[in-house]
Amino acid sequence: VSACGKVSTPTSPPVSTDSPNMSPE
């Protein structure tokens, strides 16, 4: 029961869509 409690899953950092590298010049 204690093992089924809170399971932590690693996540990727959020990707910013307003980064200048995301759209072509």
PDBML (XML) file of the C-alpha atoms, coordinates in Angstrom:
<?xml version="1.0" encoding="UTF-8" ?>
<PDBx:datablock datablockName="MODEL"
   xmlns:PDBx="http://pdbml.pdb.org/schema/pdbx-v50.xsd"
   xmlns:xsi="http://www.w3.org/2001/XMLSchema-instance"
   xsi:schemaLocation="http://pdbml.pdb.org/schema/pdbx-v50.xsd pdbx-v50.xsd">
   <PDBx:atom_siteCategory>
      <PDBx:atom_site id="1">
         <PDBx:B_iso_or_equiv>0.00</PDBx:B_iso_or_equiv>
         <PDBx:Cartn_x>0.000</PDBx:Cartn_x>
         <PDBx:Cartn_y>0.000</PDBx:Cartn_y>
         <PDBx:Cartn_z>0.000</PDBx:Cartn_z>
         <PDBx:auth_asym_id>A</PDBx:auth_asym_id>
         <PDBx:auth_atom_id>CA</PDBx:auth_atom_id>
         <PDBx:auth_comp_id>VAL</PDBx:auth_comp_id>
         <PDBx:auth_seq_id>1</PDBx:auth_seq_id>
         <PDBx:group_PDB>ATOM</PDBx:group_PDB>
         <PDBx:label_alt_id xsi:nil="true" />
         <PDBx:label_asym_id>A</PDBx:label_asym_id>
         <PDBx:label_atom_id>CA</PDBx:label_atom_id>
         <PDBx:label_comp_id>VAL</PDBx:label_comp_id>
         <PDBx:label_entity_id>1</PDBx:label_entity_id>
         <PDBx:label_seq_id>1</PDBx:label_seq_id>
         <PDBx:occupancy>1.00</PDBx:occupancy>
         <PDBx:pdbx_PDB_model_num>1</PDBx:pdbx_PDB_model_num>
         <PDBx:type_symbol>C</PDBx:type_symbol>
      </PDBx:atom_site>
      <PDBx:atom_site id="2">
         <PDBx:B_iso_or_equiv>0.00</PDBx:B_iso_or_equiv>
         <PDBx:Cartn_x>2.779</PDBx:Cartn_x>
         <PDBx:Cartn_y>2.462</PDBx:Cartn_y>
         <PDBx:Cartn_z>0.820</PDBx:Cartn_z>
         <PDBx:auth_asym_id>A</PDBx:auth_asym_id>
         <PDBx:auth_atom_id>CA</PDBx:auth_atom_id>
         <PDBx:auth_comp_id>SER</PDBx:auth_comp_id>
         <PDBx:auth_seq_id>2</PDBx:auth_seq_id>
         <PDBx:group_PDB>ATOM</PDBx:group_PDB>
         <PDBx:label_alt_id xsi:nil="true" />
         <PDBx:label_asym_id>A</PDBx:label_asym_id>
         <PDBx:label_atom_id>CA</PDBx:label_atom_id>
         <PDBx:label_comp_id>SER</PDBx:label_comp_id>
         <PDBx:label_entity_id>1</PDBx:label_entity_id>
         <PDBx:label_seq_id>2</PDBx:label_seq_id>
         <PDBx:occupancy>1.00</PDBx:occupancy>
         <PDBx:pdbx_PDB_model_num>1</PDBx:pdbx_PDB_model_num>
         <PDBx:type_symbol>C</PDBx:type_symbol>
      </PDBx:atom_site>
      <PDBx:atom_site id="3">
         <PDBx:B_iso_or_equiv>0.00</PDBx:B_iso_or_equiv>
         <PDBx:Cartn_x>4.574</PDBx:Cartn_x>
         <PDBx:Cartn_y>1.692</PDBx:Cartn_y>
         <PDBx:Cartn_z>-2.485</PDBx:Cartn_z>
         <PDBx:auth_asym_id>A</PDBx:auth_asym_id>
         <PDBx:auth_atom_id>CA</PDBx:auth_atom_id>
         <PDBx:auth_comp_id>ALA</PDBx:auth_comp_id>
         <PDBx:auth_seq_id>3</PDBx:auth_seq_id>
         <PDBx:group_PDB>ATOM</PDBx:group_PDB>
         <PDBx:label_alt_id xsi:nil="true" />
         <PDBx:label_asym_id>A</PDBx:label_asym_id>
         <PDBx:label_atom_id>CA</PDBx:label_atom_id>
         <PDBx:label_comp_id>ALA</PDBx:label_comp_id>
         <PDBx:label_entity_id>1</PDBx:label_entity_id>
         <PDBx:label_seq_id>3</PDBx:label_seq_id>
         <PDBx:occupancy>1.00</PDBx:occupancy>
         <PDBx:pdbx_PDB_model_num>1</PDBx:pdbx_PDB_model_num>
         <PDBx:type_symbol>C</PDBx:type_symbol>
      </PDBx:atom_site>
      <PDBx:atom_site id="4">
         <PDBx:B_iso_or_equiv>0.00</PDBx:B_iso_or_equiv>
         <PDBx:Cartn_x>1.415</PDBx:Cartn_x>
         <PDBx:Cartn_y>2.395</PDBx:Cartn_y>
         <PDBx:Cartn_z>-4.486</PDBx:Cartn_z>
         <PDBx:auth_asym_id>A</PDBx:auth_asym_id>
         <PDBx:auth_atom_id>CA</PDBx:auth_atom_id>
         <PDBx:auth_comp_id>CYS</PDBx:auth_comp_id>
         <PDBx:auth_seq_id>4</PDBx:auth_seq_id>
         <PDBx:group_PDB>ATOM</PDBx:group_PDB>
         <PDBx:label_alt_id xsi:nil="true" />
         <PDBx:label_asym_id>A</PDBx:label_asym_id>
         <PDBx:label_atom_id>CA</PDBx:label_atom_id>
         <PDBx:label_comp_id>CYS</PDBx:label_comp_id>
         <PDBx:label_entity_id>1</PDBx:label_entity_id>
         <PDBx:label_seq_id>4</PDBx:label_seq_id>
         <PDBx:occupancy>1.00</PDBx:occupancy>
         <PDBx:pdbx_PDB_model_num>1</PDBx:pdbx_PDB_model_num>
         <PDBx:type_symbol>C</PDBx:type_symbol>
      </PDBx:atom_site>
      <PDBx:atom_site id="5">
         <PDBx:B_iso_or_equiv>0.00</PDBx:B_iso_or_equiv>
         <PDBx:Cartn_x>1.049</PDBx:Cartn_x>
         <PDBx:Cartn_y>5.834</PDBx:Cartn_y>
         <PDBx:Cartn_z>-2.990</PDBx:Cartn_z>
         <PDBx:auth_asym_id>A</PDBx:auth_asym_id>
         <PDBx:auth_atom_id>CA</PDBx:auth_atom_id>
         <PDBx:auth_comp_id>GLY</PDBx:auth_comp_id>
         <PDBx:auth_seq_id>5</PDBx:auth_seq_id>
         <PDBx:group_PDB>ATOM</PDBx:group_PDB>
         <PDBx:label_alt_id xsi:nil="true" />
         <PDBx:label_asym_id>A</PDBx:label_asym_id>
         <PDBx:label_atom_id>CA</PDBx:label_atom_id>
         <PDBx:label_comp_id>GLY</PDBx:label_comp_id>
         <PDBx:label_entity_id>1</PDBx:label_entity_id>
         <PDBx:label_seq_id>5</PDBx:label_seq_id>
         <PDBx:occupancy>1.00</PDBx:occupancy>
         <PDBx:pdbx_PDB_model_num>1</PDBx:pdbx_PDB_model_num>
         <PDBx:type_symbol>C</PDBx:type_symbol>
      </PDBx:atom_site>
      <PDBx:atom_site id="6">
         <PDBx:B_iso_or_equiv>0.00</PDBx:B_iso_or_equiv>
         <PDBx:Cartn_x>2.942</PDBx:Cartn_x>
         <PDBx:Cartn_y>8.579</PDBx:Cartn_y>
         <PDBx:Cartn_z>-4.775</PDBx:Cartn_z>
         <PDBx:auth_asym_id>A</PDBx:auth_asym_id>
         <PDBx:auth_atom_id>CA</PDBx:auth_atom_id>
         <PDBx:auth_comp_id>LYS</PDBx:auth_comp_id>
         <PDBx:auth_seq_id>6</PDBx:auth_seq_id>
         <PDBx:group_PDB>ATOM</PDBx:group_PDB>
         <PDBx:label_alt_id xsi:nil="true" />
         <PDBx:label_asym_id>A</PDBx:label_asym_id>
         <PDBx:label_atom_id>CA</PDBx:label_atom_id>
         <PDBx:label_comp_id>LYS</PDBx:label_comp_id>
         <PDBx:label_entity_id>1</PDBx:label_entity_id>
         <PDBx:label_seq_id>6</PDBx:label_seq_id>
         <PDBx:occupancy>1.00</PDBx:occupancy>
         <PDBx:pdbx_PDB_model_num>1</PDBx:pdbx_PDB_model_num>
         <PDBx:type_symbol>C</PDBx:type_symbol>
      </PDBx:atom_site>
      <PDBx:atom_site id="7">
         <PDBx:B_iso_or_equiv>0.00</PDBx:B_iso_or_equiv>
         <PDBx:Cartn_x>5.004</PDBx:Cartn_x>
         <PDBx:Cartn_y>7.555</PDBx:Cartn_y>
         <PDBx:Cartn_z>-7.760</PDBx:Cartn_z>
         <PDBx:auth_asym_id>A</PDBx:auth_asym_id>
         <PDBx:auth_atom_id>CA</PDBx:auth_atom_id>
         <PDBx:auth_comp_id>VAL</PDBx:auth_comp_id>
         <PDBx:auth_seq_id>7</PDBx:auth_seq_id>
         <PDBx:group_PDB>ATOM</PDBx:group_PDB>
         <PDBx:label_alt_id xsi:nil="true" />
         <PDBx:label_asym_id>A</PDBx:label_asym_id>
         <PDBx:label_atom_id>CA</PDBx:label_atom_id>
         <PDBx:label_comp_id>VAL</PDBx:label_comp_id>
         <PDBx:label_entity_id>1</PDBx:label_entity_id>
         <PDBx:label_seq_id>7</PDBx:label_seq_id>
         <PDBx:occupancy>1.00</PDBx:occupancy>
         <PDBx:pdbx_PDB_model_num>1</PDBx:pdbx_PDB_model_num>
         <PDBx:type_symbol>C</PDBx:type_symbol>
      </PDBx:atom_site>
      <PDBx:atom_site id="8">
         <PDBx:B_iso_or_equiv>0.00</PDBx:B_iso_or_equiv>
         <PDBx:Cartn_x>7.313</PDBx:Cartn_x>
         <PDBx:Cartn_y>10.179</PDBx:Cartn_y>
         <PDBx:Cartn_z>-9.216</PDBx:Cartn_z>
         <PDBx:auth_asym_id>A</PDBx:auth_asym_id>
         <PDBx:auth_atom_id>CA</PDBx:auth_atom_id>
         <PDBx:auth_comp_id>SER</PDBx:auth_comp_id>
         <PDBx:auth_seq_id>8</PDBx:auth_seq_id>
         <PDBx:group_PDB>ATOM</PDBx:group_PDB>
         <PDBx:label_alt_id xsi:nil="true" />
         <PDBx:label_asym_id>A</PDBx:label_asym_id>
         <PDBx:label_atom_id>CA</PDBx:label_atom_id>
         <PDBx:label_comp_id>SER</PDBx:label_comp_id>
         <PDBx:label_entity_id>1</PDBx:label_entity_id>
         <PDBx:label_seq_id>8</PDBx:label_seq_id>
         <PDBx:occupancy>1.00</PDBx:occupancy>
         <PDBx:pdbx_PDB_model_num>1</PDBx:pdbx_PDB_model_num>
         <PDBx:type_symbol>C</PDBx:type_symbol>
      </PDBx:atom_site>
      <PDBx:atom_site id="9">
         <PDBx:B_iso_or_equiv>0.00</PDBx:B_iso_or_equiv>
         <PDBx:Cartn_x>7.856</PDBx:Cartn_x>
         <PDBx:Cartn_y>10.076</PDBx:Cartn_y>
         <PDBx:Cartn_z>-12.961</PDBx:Cartn_z>
         <PDBx:auth_asym_id>A</PDBx:auth_asym_id>
         <PDBx:auth_atom_id>CA</PDBx:auth_atom_id>
         <PDBx:auth_comp_id>THR</PDBx:auth_comp_id>
         <PDBx:auth_seq_id>9</PDBx:auth_seq_id>
         <PDBx:group_PDB>ATOM</PDBx:group_PDB>
         <PDBx:label_alt_id xsi:nil="true" />
         <PDBx:label_asym_id>A</PDBx:label_asym_id>
         <PDBx:label_atom_id>CA</PDBx:label_atom_id>
         <PDBx:label_comp_id>THR</PDBx:label_comp_id>
         <PDBx:label_entity_id>1</PDBx:label_entity_id>
         <PDBx:label_seq_id>9</PDBx:label_seq_id>
         <PDBx:occupancy>1.00</PDBx:occupancy>
         <PDBx:pdbx_PDB_model_num>1</PDBx:pdbx_PDB_model_num>
         <PDBx:type_symbol>C</PDBx:type_symbol>
      </PDBx:atom_site>
      <PDBx:atom_site id="10">
         <PDBx:B_iso_or_equiv>0.00</PDBx:B_iso_or_equiv>
         <PDBx:Cartn_x>10.609</PDBx:Cartn_x>
         <PDBx:Cartn_y>12.136</PDBx:Cartn_y>
         <PDBx:Cartn_z>-14.524</PDBx:Cartn_z>
         <PDBx:auth_asym_id>A</PDBx:auth_asym_id>
         <PDBx:auth_atom_id>CA</PDBx:auth_atom_id>
         <PDBx:auth_comp_id>PRO</PDBx:auth_comp_id>
         <PDBx:auth_seq_id>10</PDBx:auth_seq_id>
         <PDBx:group_PDB>ATOM</PDBx:group_PDB>
         <PDBx:label_alt_id xsi:nil="true" />
         <PDBx:label_asym_id>A</PDBx:label_asym_id>
         <PDBx:label_atom_id>CA</PDBx:label_atom_id>
         <PDBx:label_comp_id>PRO</PDBx:label_comp_id>
         <PDBx:label_entity_id>1</PDBx:label_entity_id>
         <PDBx:label_seq_id>10</PDBx:label_seq_id>
         <PDBx:occupancy>1.00</PDBx:occupancy>
         <PDBx:pdbx_PDB_model_num>1</PDBx:pdbx_PDB_model_num>
         <PDBx:type_symbol>C</PDBx:type_symbol>
      </PDBx:atom_site>
      <PDBx:atom_site id="11">
         <PDBx:B_iso_or_equiv>0.00</PDBx:B_iso_or_equiv>
         <PDBx:Cartn_x>9.354</PDBx:Cartn_x>
         <PDBx:Cartn_y>14.751</PDBx:Cartn_y>
         <PDBx:Cartn_z>-16.968</PDBx:Cartn_z>
         <PDBx:auth_asym_id>A</PDBx:auth_asym_id>
         <PDBx:auth_atom_id>CA</PDBx:auth_atom_id>
         <PDBx:auth_comp_id>THR</PDBx:auth_comp_id>
         <PDBx:auth_seq_id>11</PDBx:auth_seq_id>
         <PDBx:group_PDB>ATOM</PDBx:group_PDB>
         <PDBx:label_alt_id xsi:nil="true" />
         <PDBx:label_asym_id>A</PDBx:label_asym_id>
         <PDBx:label_atom_id>CA</PDBx:label_atom_id>
         <PDBx:label_comp_id>THR</PDBx:label_comp_id>
         <PDBx:label_entity_id>1</PDBx:label_entity_id>
         <PDBx:label_seq_id>11</PDBx:label_seq_id>
         <PDBx:occupancy>1.00</PDBx:occupancy>
         <PDBx:pdbx_PDB_model_num>1</PDBx:pdbx_PDB_model_num>
         <PDBx:type_symbol>C</PDBx:type_symbol>
      </PDBx:atom_site>
      <PDBx:atom_site id="12">
         <PDBx:B_iso_or_equiv>0.00</PDBx:B_iso_or_equiv>
         <PDBx:Cartn_x>11.063</PDBx:Cartn_x>
         <PDBx:Cartn_y>16.822</PDBx:Cartn_y>
         <PDBx:Cartn_z>-19.627</PDBx:Cartn_z>
         <PDBx:auth_asym_id>A</PDBx:auth_asym_id>
         <PDBx:auth_atom_id>CA</PDBx:auth_atom_id>
         <PDBx:auth_comp_id>SER</PDBx:auth_comp_id>
         <PDBx:auth_seq_id>12</PDBx:auth_seq_id>
         <PDBx:group_PDB>ATOM</PDBx:group_PDB>
         <PDBx:label_alt_id xsi:nil="true" />
         <PDBx:label_asym_id>A</PDBx:label_asym_id>
         <PDBx:label_atom_id>CA</PDBx:label_atom_id>
         <PDBx:label_comp_id>SER</PDBx:label_comp_id>
         <PDBx:label_entity_id>1</PDBx:label_entity_id>
         <PDBx:label_seq_id>12</PDBx:label_seq_id>
         <PDBx:occupancy>1.00</PDBx:occupancy>
         <PDBx:pdbx_PDB_model_num>1</PDBx:pdbx_PDB_model_num>
         <PDBx:type_symbol>C</PDBx:type_symbol>
      </PDBx:atom_site>
      <PDBx:atom_site id="13">
         <PDBx:B_iso_or_equiv>0.00</PDBx:B_iso_or_equiv>
         <PDBx:Cartn_x>11.302</PDBx:Cartn_x>
         <PDBx:Cartn_y>20.554</PDBx:Cartn_y>
         <PDBx:Cartn_z>-19.112</PDBx:Cartn_z>
         <PDBx:auth_asym_id>A</PDBx:auth_asym_id>
         <PDBx:auth_atom_id>CA</PDBx:auth_atom_id>
         <PDBx:auth_comp_id>PRO</PDBx:auth_comp_id>
         <PDBx:auth_seq_id>13</PDBx:auth_seq_id>
         <PDBx:group_PDB>ATOM</PDBx:group_PDB>
         <PDBx:label_alt_id xsi:nil="true" />
         <PDBx:label_asym_id>A</PDBx:label_asym_id>
         <PDBx:label_atom_id>CA</PDBx:label_atom_id>
         <PDBx:label_comp_id>PRO</PDBx:label_comp_id>
         <PDBx:label_entity_id>1</PDBx:label_entity_id>
         <PDBx:label_seq_id>13</PDBx:label_seq_id>
         <PDBx:occupancy>1.00</PDBx:occupancy>
         <PDBx:pdbx_PDB_model_num>1</PDBx:pdbx_PDB_model_num>
         <PDBx:type_symbol>C</PDBx:type_symbol>
      </PDBx:atom_site>
      <PDBx:atom_site id="14">
         <PDBx:B_iso_or_equiv>0.00</PDBx:B_iso_or_equiv>
         <PDBx:Cartn_x>8.579</PDBx:Cartn_x>
         <PDBx:Cartn_y>22.484</PDBx:Cartn_y>
         <PDBx:Cartn_z>-20.934</PDBx:Cartn_z>
         <PDBx:auth_asym_id>A</PDBx:auth_asym_id>
         <PDBx:auth_atom_id>CA</PDBx:auth_atom_id>
         <PDBx:auth_comp_id>PRO</PDBx:auth_comp_id>
         <PDBx:auth_seq_id>14</PDBx:auth_seq_id>
         <PDBx:group_PDB>ATOM</PDBx:group_PDB>
         <PDBx:label_alt_id xsi:nil="true" />
         <PDBx:label_asym_id>A</PDBx:label_asym_id>
         <PDBx:label_atom_id>CA</PDBx:label_atom_id>
         <PDBx:label_comp_id>PRO</PDBx:label_comp_id>
         <PDBx:label_entity_id>1</PDBx:label_entity_id>
         <PDBx:label_seq_id>14</PDBx:label_seq_id>
         <PDBx:occupancy>1.00</PDBx:occupancy>
         <PDBx:pdbx_PDB_model_num>1</PDBx:pdbx_PDB_model_num>
         <PDBx:type_symbol>C</PDBx:type_symbol>
      </PDBx:atom_site>
      <PDBx:atom_site id="15">
         <PDBx:B_iso_or_equiv>0.00</PDBx:B_iso_or_equiv>
         <PDBx:Cartn_x>9.435</PDBx:Cartn_x>
         <PDBx:Cartn_y>23.631</PDBx:Cartn_y>
         <PDBx:Cartn_z>-24.435</PDBx:Cartn_z>
         <PDBx:auth_asym_id>A</PDBx:auth_asym_id>
         <PDBx:auth_atom_id>CA</PDBx:auth_atom_id>
         <PDBx:auth_comp_id>VAL</PDBx:auth_comp_id>
         <PDBx:auth_seq_id>15</PDBx:auth_seq_id>
         <PDBx:group_PDB>ATOM</PDBx:group_PDB>
         <PDBx:label_alt_id xsi:nil="true" />
         <PDBx:label_asym_id>A</PDBx:label_asym_id>
         <PDBx:label_atom_id>CA</PDBx:label_atom_id>
         <PDBx:label_comp_id>VAL</PDBx:label_comp_id>
         <PDBx:label_entity_id>1</PDBx:label_entity_id>
         <PDBx:label_seq_id>15</PDBx:label_seq_id>
         <PDBx:occupancy>1.00</PDBx:occupancy>
         <PDBx:pdbx_PDB_model_num>1</PDBx:pdbx_PDB_model_num>
         <PDBx:type_symbol>C</PDBx:type_symbol>
      </PDBx:atom_site>
      <PDBx:atom_site id="16">
         <PDBx:B_iso_or_equiv>0.00</PDBx:B_iso_or_equiv>
         <PDBx:Cartn_x>9.013</PDBx:Cartn_x>
         <PDBx:Cartn_y>27.339</PDBx:Cartn_y>
         <PDBx:Cartn_z>-25.054</PDBx:Cartn_z>
         <PDBx:auth_asym_id>A</PDBx:auth_asym_id>
         <PDBx:auth_atom_id>CA</PDBx:auth_atom_id>
         <PDBx:auth_comp_id>SER</PDBx:auth_comp_id>
         <PDBx:auth_seq_id>16</PDBx:auth_seq_id>
         <PDBx:group_PDB>ATOM</PDBx:group_PDB>
         <PDBx:label_alt_id xsi:nil="true" />
         <PDBx:label_asym_id>A</PDBx:label_asym_id>
         <PDBx:label_atom_id>CA</PDBx:label_atom_id>
         <PDBx:label_comp_id>SER</PDBx:label_comp_id>
         <PDBx:label_entity_id>1</PDBx:label_entity_id>
         <PDBx:label_seq_id>16</PDBx:label_seq_id>
         <PDBx:occupancy>1.00</PDBx:occupancy>
         <PDBx:pdbx_PDB_model_num>1</PDBx:pdbx_PDB_model_num>
         <PDBx:type_symbol>C</PDBx:type_symbol>
      </PDBx:atom_site>
      <PDBx:atom_site id="17">
         <PDBx:B_iso_or_equiv>0.00</PDBx:B_iso_or_equiv>
         <PDBx:Cartn_x>7.221</PDBx:Cartn_x>
         <PDBx:Cartn_y>28.080</PDBx:Cartn_y>
         <PDBx:Cartn_z>-28.318</PDBx:Cartn_z>
         <PDBx:auth_asym_id>A</PDBx:auth_asym_id>
         <PDBx:auth_atom_id>CA</PDBx:auth_atom_id>
         <PDBx:auth_comp_id>THR</PDBx:auth_comp_id>
         <PDBx:auth_seq_id>17</PDBx:auth_seq_id>
         <PDBx:group_PDB>ATOM</PDBx:group_PDB>
         <PDBx:label_alt_id xsi:nil="true" />
         <PDBx:label_asym_id>A</PDBx:label_asym_id>
         <PDBx:label_atom_id>CA</PDBx:label_atom_id>
         <PDBx:label_comp_id>THR</PDBx:label_comp_id>
         <PDBx:label_entity_id>1</PDBx:label_entity_id>
         <PDBx:label_seq_id>17</PDBx:label_seq_id>
         <PDBx:occupancy>1.00</PDBx:occupancy>
         <PDBx:pdbx_PDB_model_num>1</PDBx:pdbx_PDB_model_num>
         <PDBx:type_symbol>C</PDBx:type_symbol>
      </PDBx:atom_site>
      <PDBx:atom_site id="18">
         <PDBx:B_iso_or_equiv>0.00</PDBx:B_iso_or_equiv>
         <PDBx:Cartn_x>8.232</PDBx:Cartn_x>
         <PDBx:Cartn_y>31.739</PDBx:Cartn_y>
         <PDBx:Cartn_z>-28.333</PDBx:Cartn_z>
         <PDBx:auth_asym_id>A</PDBx:auth_asym_id>
         <PDBx:auth_atom_id>CA</PDBx:auth_atom_id>
         <PDBx:auth_comp_id>ASP</PDBx:auth_comp_id>
         <PDBx:auth_seq_id>18</PDBx:auth_seq_id>
         <PDBx:group_PDB>ATOM</PDBx:group_PDB>
         <PDBx:label_alt_id xsi:nil="true" />
         <PDBx:label_asym_id>A</PDBx:label_asym_id>
         <PDBx:label_atom_id>CA</PDBx:label_atom_id>
         <PDBx:label_comp_id>ASP</PDBx:label_comp_id>
         <PDBx:label_entity_id>1</PDBx:label_entity_id>
         <PDBx:label_seq_id>18</PDBx:label_seq_id>
         <PDBx:occupancy>1.00</PDBx:occupancy>
         <PDBx:pdbx_PDB_model_num>1</PDBx:pdbx_PDB_model_num>
         <PDBx:type_symbol>C</PDBx:type_symbol>
      </PDBx:atom_site>
      <PDBx:atom_site id="19">
         <PDBx:B_iso_or_equiv>0.00</PDBx:B_iso_or_equiv>
         <PDBx:Cartn_x>11.929</PDBx:Cartn_x>
         <PDBx:Cartn_y>30.957</PDBx:Cartn_y>
         <PDBx:Cartn_z>-28.563</PDBx:Cartn_z>
         <PDBx:auth_asym_id>A</PDBx:auth_asym_id>
         <PDBx:auth_atom_id>CA</PDBx:auth_atom_id>
         <PDBx:auth_comp_id>SER</PDBx:auth_comp_id>
         <PDBx:auth_seq_id>19</PDBx:auth_seq_id>
         <PDBx:group_PDB>ATOM</PDBx:group_PDB>
         <PDBx:label_alt_id xsi:nil="true" />
         <PDBx:label_asym_id>A</PDBx:label_asym_id>
         <PDBx:label_atom_id>CA</PDBx:label_atom_id>
         <PDBx:label_comp_id>SER</PDBx:label_comp_id>
         <PDBx:label_entity_id>1</PDBx:label_entity_id>
         <PDBx:label_seq_id>19</PDBx:label_seq_id>
         <PDBx:occupancy>1.00</PDBx:occupancy>
         <PDBx:pdbx_PDB_model_num>1</PDBx:pdbx_PDB_model_num>
         <PDBx:type_symbol>C</PDBx:type_symbol>
      </PDBx:atom_site>
      <PDBx:atom_site id="20">
         <PDBx:B_iso_or_equiv>0.00</PDBx:B_iso_or_equiv>
         <PDBx:Cartn_x>13.638</PDBx:Cartn_x>
         <PDBx:Cartn_y>32.866</PDBx:Cartn_y>
         <PDBx:Cartn_z>-31.375</PDBx:Cartn_z>
         <PDBx:auth_asym_id>A</PDBx:auth_asym_id>
         <PDBx:auth_atom_id>CA</PDBx:auth_atom_id>
         <PDBx:auth_comp_id>PRO</PDBx:auth_comp_id>
         <PDBx:auth_seq_id>20</PDBx:auth_seq_id>
         <PDBx:group_PDB>ATOM</PDBx:group_PDB>
         <PDBx:label_alt_id xsi:nil="true" />
         <PDBx:label_asym_id>A</PDBx:label_asym_id>
         <PDBx:label_atom_id>CA</PDBx:label_atom_id>
         <PDBx:label_comp_id>PRO</PDBx:label_comp_id>
         <PDBx:label_entity_id>1</PDBx:label_entity_id>
         <PDBx:label_seq_id>20</PDBx:label_seq_id>
         <PDBx:occupancy>1.00</PDBx:occupancy>
         <PDBx:pdbx_PDB_model_num>1</PDBx:pdbx_PDB_model_num>
         <PDBx:type_symbol>C</PDBx:type_symbol>
      </PDBx:atom_site>
      <PDBx:atom_site id="21">
         <PDBx:B_iso_or_equiv>0.00</PDBx:B_iso_or_equiv>
         <PDBx:Cartn_x>15.097</PDBx:Cartn_x>
         <PDBx:Cartn_y>29.591</PDBx:Cartn_y>
         <PDBx:Cartn_z>-32.655</PDBx:Cartn_z>
         <PDBx:auth_asym_id>A</PDBx:auth_asym_id>
         <PDBx:auth_atom_id>CA</PDBx:auth_atom_id>
         <PDBx:auth_comp_id>ASN</PDBx:auth_comp_id>
         <PDBx:auth_seq_id>21</PDBx:auth_seq_id>
         <PDBx:group_PDB>ATOM</PDBx:group_PDB>
         <PDBx:label_alt_id xsi:nil="true" />
         <PDBx:label_asym_id>A</PDBx:label_asym_id>
         <PDBx:label_atom_id>CA</PDBx:label_atom_id>
         <PDBx:label_comp_id>ASN</PDBx:label_comp_id>
         <PDBx:label_entity_id>1</PDBx:label_entity_id>
         <PDBx:label_seq_id>21</PDBx:label_seq_id>
         <PDBx:occupancy>1.00</PDBx:occupancy>
         <PDBx:pdbx_PDB_model_num>1</PDBx:pdbx_PDB_model_num>
         <PDBx:type_symbol>C</PDBx:type_symbol>
      </PDBx:atom_site>
      <PDBx:atom_site id="22">
         <PDBx:B_iso_or_equiv>0.00</PDBx:B_iso_or_equiv>
         <PDBx:Cartn_x>11.662</PDBx:Cartn_x>
         <PDBx:Cartn_y>28.045</PDBx:Cartn_y>
         <PDBx:Cartn_z>-33.206</PDBx:Cartn_z>
         <PDBx:auth_asym_id>A</PDBx:auth_asym_id>
         <PDBx:auth_atom_id>CA</PDBx:auth_atom_id>
         <PDBx:auth_comp_id>MET</PDBx:auth_comp_id>
         <PDBx:auth_seq_id>22</PDBx:auth_seq_id>
         <PDBx:group_PDB>ATOM</PDBx:group_PDB>
         <PDBx:label_alt_id xsi:nil="true" />
         <PDBx:label_asym_id>A</PDBx:label_asym_id>
         <PDBx:label_atom_id>CA</PDBx:label_atom_id>
         <PDBx:label_comp_id>MET</PDBx:label_comp_id>
         <PDBx:label_entity_id>1</PDBx:label_entity_id>
         <PDBx:label_seq_id>22</PDBx:label_seq_id>
         <PDBx:occupancy>1.00</PDBx:occupancy>
         <PDBx:pdbx_PDB_model_num>1</PDBx:pdbx_PDB_model_num>
         <PDBx:type_symbol>C</PDBx:type_symbol>
      </PDBx:atom_site>
      <PDBx:atom_site id="23">
         <PDBx:B_iso_or_equiv>0.00</PDBx:B_iso_or_equiv>
         <PDBx:Cartn_x>10.687</PDBx:Cartn_x>
         <PDBx:Cartn_y>30.082</PDBx:Cartn_y>
         <PDBx:Cartn_z>-36.287</PDBx:Cartn_z>
         <PDBx:auth_asym_id>A</PDBx:auth_asym_id>
         <PDBx:auth_atom_id>CA</PDBx:auth_atom_id>
         <PDBx:auth_comp_id>SER</PDBx:auth_comp_id>
         <PDBx:auth_seq_id>23</PDBx:auth_seq_id>
         <PDBx:group_PDB>ATOM</PDBx:group_PDB>
         <PDBx:label_alt_id xsi:nil="true" />
         <PDBx:label_asym_id>A</PDBx:label_asym_id>
         <PDBx:label_atom_id>CA</PDBx:label_atom_id>
         <PDBx:label_comp_id>SER</PDBx:label_comp_id>
         <PDBx:label_entity_id>1</PDBx:label_entity_id>
         <PDBx:label_seq_id>23</PDBx:label_seq_id>
         <PDBx:occupancy>1.00</PDBx:occupancy>
         <PDBx:pdbx_PDB_model_num>1</PDBx:pdbx_PDB_model_num>
         <PDBx:type_symbol>C</PDBx:type_symbol>
      </PDBx:atom_site>
      <PDBx:atom_site id="24">
         <PDBx:B_iso_or_equiv>0.00</PDBx:B_iso_or_equiv>
         <PDBx:Cartn_x>12.826</PDBx:Cartn_x>
         <PDBx:Cartn_y>30.733</PDBx:Cartn_y>
         <PDBx:Cartn_z>-39.341</PDBx:Cartn_z>
         <PDBx:auth_asym_id>A</PDBx:auth_asym_id>
         <PDBx:auth_atom_id>CA</PDBx:auth_atom_id>
         <PDBx:auth_comp_id>PRO</PDBx:auth_comp_id>
         <PDBx:auth_seq_id>24</PDBx:auth_seq_id>
         <PDBx:group_PDB>ATOM</PDBx:group_PDB>
         <PDBx:label_alt_id xsi:nil="true" />
         <PDBx:label_asym_id>A</PDBx:label_asym_id>
         <PDBx:label_atom_id>CA</PDBx:label_atom_id>
         <PDBx:label_comp_id>PRO</PDBx:label_comp_id>
         <PDBx:label_entity_id>1</PDBx:label_entity_id>
         <PDBx:label_seq_id>24</PDBx:label_seq_id>
         <PDBx:occupancy>1.00</PDBx:occupancy>
         <PDBx:pdbx_PDB_model_num>1</PDBx:pdbx_PDB_model_num>
         <PDBx:type_symbol>C</PDBx:type_symbol>
      </PDBx:atom_site>
      <PDBx:atom_site id="25">
         <PDBx:B_iso_or_equiv>0.00</PDBx:B_iso_or_equiv>
         <PDBx:Cartn_x>14.188</PDBx:Cartn_x>
         <PDBx:Cartn_y>34.189</PDBx:Cartn_y>
         <PDBx:Cartn_z>-39.938</PDBx:Cartn_z>
         <PDBx:auth_asym_id>A</PDBx:auth_asym_id>
         <PDBx:auth_atom_id>CA</PDBx:auth_atom_id>
         <PDBx:auth_comp_id>GLU</PDBx:auth_comp_id>
         <PDBx:auth_seq_id>25</PDBx:auth_seq_id>
         <PDBx:group_PDB>ATOM</PDBx:group_PDB>
         <PDBx:label_alt_id xsi:nil="true" />
         <PDBx:label_asym_id>A</PDBx:label_asym_id>
         <PDBx:label_atom_id>CA</PDBx:label_atom_id>
         <PDBx:label_comp_id>GLU</PDBx:label_comp_id>
         <PDBx:label_entity_id>1</PDBx:label_entity_id>
         <PDBx:label_seq_id>25</PDBx:label_seq_id>
         <PDBx:occupancy>1.00</PDBx:occupancy>
         <PDBx:pdbx_PDB_model_num>1</PDBx:pdbx_PDB_model_num>
         <PDBx:type_symbol>C</PDBx:type_symbol>
      </PDBx:atom_site>
   </PDBx:atom_siteCategory>
</PDBx:datablock>
